[in-house]
Every structure is written in structure tokens, then in C-alpha cells.
């Protein structure tokens, strides 16, 4: 994970944001008082929140793990959603 100073982040804010989004990698913004912050893309943030939500429920998380194992072994069910008739 890349770390940059707060002043560098301010001077190159647009480029720093673009790098975070393009590289899917957070950036640690270091500060003199050692109260650092982390810059992440909204996509990564939303993903973190979704993972936290799923892991909060043992039932949801257990089902997710079961589904992953089923997919790895090729035990898949294909659903026919049919054609839309608008």
C-alpha cells in the first residue's frame, strides 16, 4: 500500500484519487500527529461495507461459503429467467 504525506496528497489530489481508482489500491495519507487516514475508492468502500454486512450474519456467511464451494466443484444450477415481454 502506498503512503504519501498530507501535503503531497493536497498538491496532487486529483492524480492521487485517479491512482486509487485505477489501481484498486488504497493510499495512506500520513500526518505529523500520526493520525493517518486512508483514501479508498467508493467501489472499494462499498465492497467493504457489503462484506461486513454479509459476515455479520453467520447464516448469510455460511451460505456464501457453501455457494463458493459448490461453484468450485461445478455444482451449479442454471436458472432460465425467460424473455422479457414489455
N, C-alpha and C. Protein backbone atom coordinates (compact mmCIF):
# COMPACT_ATOMS: atom_id res chain seq x y z
N UNK A 1 0.85 -1.17 0.00
CA UNK A 1 0.00 0.00 0.00
C UNK A 1 0.91 1.24 0.00
N UNK A 2 0.60 2.17 -0.85
CA UNK A 2 1.36 3.40 -0.99
C UNK A 2 1.05 4.34 0.16
N UNK A 3 2.05 5.07 0.62
CA UNK A 3 1.86 6.09 1.65
C UNK A 3 2.43 7.40 1.14
N UNK A 4 1.68 8.49 1.34
CA UNK A 4 2.15 9.81 0.95
C UNK A 4 1.84 10.79 2.08
N UNK A 5 2.54 11.91 2.09
CA UNK A 5 2.28 12.92 3.10
C UNK A 5 0.98 13.67 2.78
N UNK A 6 0.42 14.28 3.79
CA UNK A 6 -0.81 15.05 3.59
C UNK A 6 -0.58 16.20 2.62
N UNK A 7 0.55 16.88 2.74
CA UNK A 7 0.81 18.00 1.82
C UNK A 7 0.96 17.52 0.38
N UNK A 8 1.59 16.36 0.19
CA UNK A 8 1.71 15.79 -1.15
C UNK A 8 0.33 15.40 -1.68
N UNK A 9 -0.51 14.84 -0.82
CA UNK A 9 -1.87 14.46 -1.23
C UNK A 9 -2.67 15.69 -1.66
N UNK A 10 -2.50 16.79 -0.93
CA UNK A 10 -3.21 18.02 -1.27
C UNK A 10 -2.72 18.56 -2.60
N UNK A 11 -1.41 18.61 -2.79
CA UNK A 11 -0.83 19.16 -4.02
C UNK A 11 -1.19 18.32 -5.25
N UNK A 12 -1.36 17.02 -5.06
CA UNK A 12 -1.63 16.12 -6.19
C UNK A 12 -2.93 15.36 -5.99
N UNK A 13 -3.93 16.05 -5.46
CA UNK A 13 -5.15 15.37 -5.05
C UNK A 13 -5.84 14.63 -6.20
N UNK A 14 -6.03 15.30 -7.33
CA UNK A 14 -6.72 14.64 -8.46
C UNK A 14 -5.95 13.41 -8.93
N UNK A 15 -4.63 13.54 -9.07
CA UNK A 15 -3.82 12.41 -9.52
C UNK A 15 -3.85 11.27 -8.50
N UNK A 16 -3.78 11.63 -7.21
CA UNK A 16 -3.84 10.61 -6.16
C UNK A 16 -5.17 9.86 -6.22
N UNK A 17 -6.26 10.59 -6.37
CA UNK A 17 -7.58 9.95 -6.48
C UNK A 17 -7.64 9.05 -7.70
N UNK A 18 -7.14 9.53 -8.84
CA UNK A 18 -7.14 8.72 -10.06
C UNK A 18 -6.35 7.44 -9.86
N UNK A 19 -5.20 7.53 -9.19
CA UNK A 19 -4.37 6.33 -8.94
C UNK A 19 -5.10 5.33 -8.05
N UNK A 20 -5.77 5.83 -7.03
CA UNK A 20 -6.52 4.96 -6.12
C UNK A 20 -7.59 4.19 -6.90
N UNK A 21 -8.29 4.89 -7.77
CA UNK A 21 -9.38 4.26 -8.54
C UNK A 21 -8.82 3.30 -9.58
N UNK A 22 -7.82 3.73 -10.33
CA UNK A 22 -7.28 2.92 -11.43
C UNK A 22 -6.54 1.68 -10.94
N UNK A 23 -5.83 1.81 -9.82
CA UNK A 23 -5.01 0.70 -9.33
C UNK A 23 -5.71 -0.16 -8.28
N UNK A 24 -6.92 0.22 -7.90
CA UNK A 24 -7.65 -0.51 -6.87
C UNK A 24 -6.80 -0.69 -5.61
N UNK A 25 -6.04 0.35 -5.27
CA UNK A 25 -5.16 0.27 -4.11
C UNK A 25 -5.32 1.51 -3.24
N UNK A 26 -5.62 1.31 -1.97
CA UNK A 26 -5.74 2.45 -1.06
C UNK A 26 -4.41 3.18 -0.90
N UNK A 27 -4.49 4.42 -0.47
CA UNK A 27 -3.30 5.22 -0.18
C UNK A 27 -3.40 5.69 1.27
N UNK A 28 -2.32 5.48 2.02
CA UNK A 28 -2.24 6.00 3.38
C UNK A 28 -1.74 7.44 3.28
N UNK A 29 -2.48 8.35 3.88
CA UNK A 29 -2.07 9.75 3.92
C UNK A 29 -1.51 9.99 5.32
N UNK A 30 -0.19 10.19 5.39
CA UNK A 30 0.47 10.35 6.68
C UNK A 30 0.38 11.80 7.14
N UNK A 31 0.28 11.96 8.46
CA UNK A 31 0.17 13.29 9.05
C UNK A 31 1.18 13.42 10.18
N UNK A 32 1.56 14.64 10.49
CA UNK A 32 2.57 14.89 11.52
C UNK A 32 2.19 14.33 12.88
N UNK A 33 0.91 14.30 13.19
CA UNK A 33 0.45 13.86 14.51
C UNK A 33 0.23 12.35 14.56
N UNK A 34 0.66 11.63 13.56
CA UNK A 34 0.49 10.17 13.47
C UNK A 34 -0.97 9.72 13.46
N UNK A 35 -1.86 10.62 13.13
CA UNK A 35 -3.27 10.26 12.97
C UNK A 35 -3.55 10.18 11.47
N UNK A 36 -3.04 9.11 10.89
CA UNK A 36 -3.12 8.92 9.44
C UNK A 36 -4.53 8.59 9.00
N UNK A 37 -4.77 8.81 7.73
CA UNK A 37 -6.04 8.44 7.11
C UNK A 37 -5.76 7.60 5.88
N UNK A 38 -6.78 6.88 5.42
CA UNK A 38 -6.64 6.04 4.25
C UNK A 38 -7.65 6.50 3.20
N UNK A 39 -7.17 6.68 1.99
CA UNK A 39 -8.03 7.07 0.87
C UNK A 39 -8.31 5.82 0.04
N UNK A 40 -9.61 5.51 -0.12
CA UNK A 40 -10.01 4.37 -0.95
C UNK A 40 -11.11 4.82 -1.90
N UNK A 41 -11.29 4.07 -2.97
CA UNK A 41 -12.34 4.39 -3.92
C UNK A 41 -13.70 4.04 -3.33
N UNK A 42 -14.74 4.64 -3.86
CA UNK A 42 -16.08 4.32 -3.38
C UNK A 42 -16.42 2.88 -3.67
N UNK A 43 -15.95 2.35 -4.80
CA UNK A 43 -16.20 0.95 -5.13
C UNK A 43 -15.62 0.04 -4.06
N UNK A 44 -14.38 0.31 -3.63
CA UNK A 44 -13.76 -0.49 -2.58
C UNK A 44 -14.49 -0.32 -1.26
N UNK A 45 -14.90 0.90 -0.95
CA UNK A 45 -15.63 1.18 0.28
C UNK A 45 -16.95 0.42 0.31
N UNK A 46 -17.70 0.50 -0.79
CA UNK A 46 -18.97 -0.21 -0.88
C UNK A 46 -18.77 -1.72 -0.71
N UNK A 47 -17.70 -2.24 -1.31
CA UNK A 47 -17.38 -3.66 -1.19
C UNK A 47 -17.09 -4.03 0.26
N UNK A 48 -16.33 -3.20 0.95
CA UNK A 48 -16.04 -3.45 2.37
C UNK A 48 -17.32 -3.49 3.20
N UNK A 49 -18.21 -2.52 2.97
CA UNK A 49 -19.47 -2.49 3.71
C UNK A 49 -20.32 -3.73 3.43
N UNK A 50 -20.34 -4.15 2.18
CA UNK A 50 -21.10 -5.34 1.81
C UNK A 50 -20.53 -6.59 2.51
N UNK A 51 -19.20 -6.68 2.53
CA UNK A 51 -18.57 -7.81 3.20
C UNK A 51 -18.84 -7.81 4.69
N UNK A 52 -18.80 -6.65 5.30
CA UNK A 52 -19.10 -6.54 6.73
C UNK A 52 -20.54 -6.99 6.98
N UNK A 53 -21.46 -6.54 6.13
CA UNK A 53 -22.87 -6.90 6.29
C UNK A 53 -23.05 -8.42 6.18
N UNK A 54 -22.44 -9.03 5.18
CA UNK A 54 -22.59 -10.47 4.98
C UNK A 54 -21.98 -11.24 6.14
N UNK A 55 -20.84 -10.80 6.61
CA UNK A 55 -20.15 -11.52 7.70
C UNK A 55 -20.81 -11.33 9.05
N UNK A 56 -21.63 -10.30 9.20
CA UNK A 56 -22.33 -10.09 10.47
C UNK A 56 -23.30 -11.23 10.75
N UNK A 57 -23.90 -11.76 9.71
CA UNK A 57 -24.87 -12.84 9.85
C UNK A 57 -24.17 -14.17 9.61
N UNK A 58 -24.13 -15.00 10.63
CA UNK A 58 -23.50 -16.32 10.46
C UNK A 58 -24.22 -17.13 9.39
N UNK A 59 -25.52 -16.98 9.30
CA UNK A 59 -26.30 -17.71 8.30
C UNK A 59 -25.92 -17.26 6.90
N UNK A 60 -25.88 -15.96 6.66
CA UNK A 60 -25.52 -15.44 5.34
C UNK A 60 -24.10 -15.85 4.96
N UNK A 61 -23.18 -15.72 5.90
CA UNK A 61 -21.78 -16.03 5.61
C UNK A 61 -21.61 -17.52 5.35
N UNK A 62 -22.27 -18.34 6.12
CA UNK A 62 -22.19 -19.78 5.93
C UNK A 62 -22.73 -20.17 4.56
N UNK A 63 -23.84 -19.57 4.18
CA UNK A 63 -24.44 -19.86 2.87
C UNK A 63 -23.52 -19.41 1.74
N UNK A 64 -22.88 -18.27 1.91
CA UNK A 64 -21.94 -17.78 0.91
C UNK A 64 -20.79 -18.76 0.73
N UNK A 65 -20.23 -19.24 1.84
CA UNK A 65 -19.13 -20.21 1.76
C UNK A 65 -19.56 -21.50 1.09
N UNK A 66 -20.77 -21.95 1.40
CA UNK A 66 -21.31 -23.15 0.75
C UNK A 66 -21.44 -22.94 -0.76
N UNK A 67 -21.93 -21.78 -1.14
CA UNK A 67 -22.11 -21.48 -2.57
C UNK A 67 -20.78 -21.44 -3.30
N UNK A 68 -19.77 -20.87 -2.66
CA UNK A 68 -18.45 -20.82 -3.26
C UNK A 68 -17.91 -22.23 -3.47
N UNK A 69 -18.05 -23.08 -2.48
CA UNK A 69 -17.58 -24.47 -2.61
C UNK A 69 -18.34 -25.21 -3.71
N UNK A 70 -19.65 -24.99 -3.79
CA UNK A 70 -20.44 -25.62 -4.85
C UNK A 70 -19.96 -25.16 -6.22
N UNK A 71 -19.68 -23.88 -6.35
CA UNK A 71 -19.20 -23.35 -7.63
C UNK A 71 -17.84 -23.94 -8.00
N UNK A 72 -16.96 -24.07 -7.01
CA UNK A 72 -15.63 -24.65 -7.26
C UNK A 72 -15.71 -26.08 -7.75
N UNK A 73 -16.70 -26.83 -7.27
CA UNK A 73 -16.83 -28.23 -7.66
C UNK A 73 -17.70 -28.40 -8.90
N UNK A 74 -18.18 -27.29 -9.44
CA UNK A 74 -19.01 -27.36 -10.65
C UNK A 74 -20.46 -27.69 -10.38
N UNK A 75 -20.85 -27.69 -9.12
CA UNK A 75 -22.23 -27.98 -8.75
C UNK A 75 -23.05 -26.69 -8.87
N UNK A 76 -23.41 -26.35 -10.12
CA UNK A 76 -24.11 -25.10 -10.40
C UNK A 76 -25.51 -25.38 -10.93
N UNK A 77 -26.41 -24.48 -10.66
CA UNK A 77 -27.76 -24.55 -11.19
C UNK A 77 -27.96 -23.35 -12.08
N UNK A 78 -28.32 -23.58 -13.34
CA UNK A 78 -28.55 -22.50 -14.29
C UNK A 78 -30.04 -22.19 -14.28
N UNK A 79 -30.35 -20.94 -14.02
CA UNK A 79 -31.74 -20.51 -13.99
C UNK A 79 -32.11 -19.89 -15.33
N UNK A 80 -33.27 -20.26 -15.86
CA UNK A 80 -33.77 -19.67 -17.10
C UNK A 80 -34.71 -18.54 -16.71
N UNK A 81 -34.26 -17.33 -16.89
CA UNK A 81 -35.06 -16.18 -16.50
C UNK A 81 -36.13 -15.85 -17.53
N UNK A 82 -36.10 -16.53 -18.65
CA UNK A 82 -37.10 -16.29 -19.69
C UNK A 82 -36.89 -14.96 -20.37
N UNK A 83 -37.70 -14.72 -21.38
CA UNK A 83 -37.60 -13.46 -22.10
C UNK A 83 -38.55 -12.46 -21.50
N UNK A 84 -38.12 -11.20 -21.52
CA UNK A 84 -38.98 -10.13 -21.03
C UNK A 84 -40.00 -9.78 -22.11
N UNK A 85 -41.22 -9.62 -21.70
CA UNK A 85 -42.29 -9.22 -22.64
C UNK A 85 -42.86 -7.89 -22.17
N UNK A 86 -42.26 -6.79 -22.68
CA UNK A 86 -42.72 -5.45 -22.28
C UNK A 86 -43.78 -4.96 -23.22
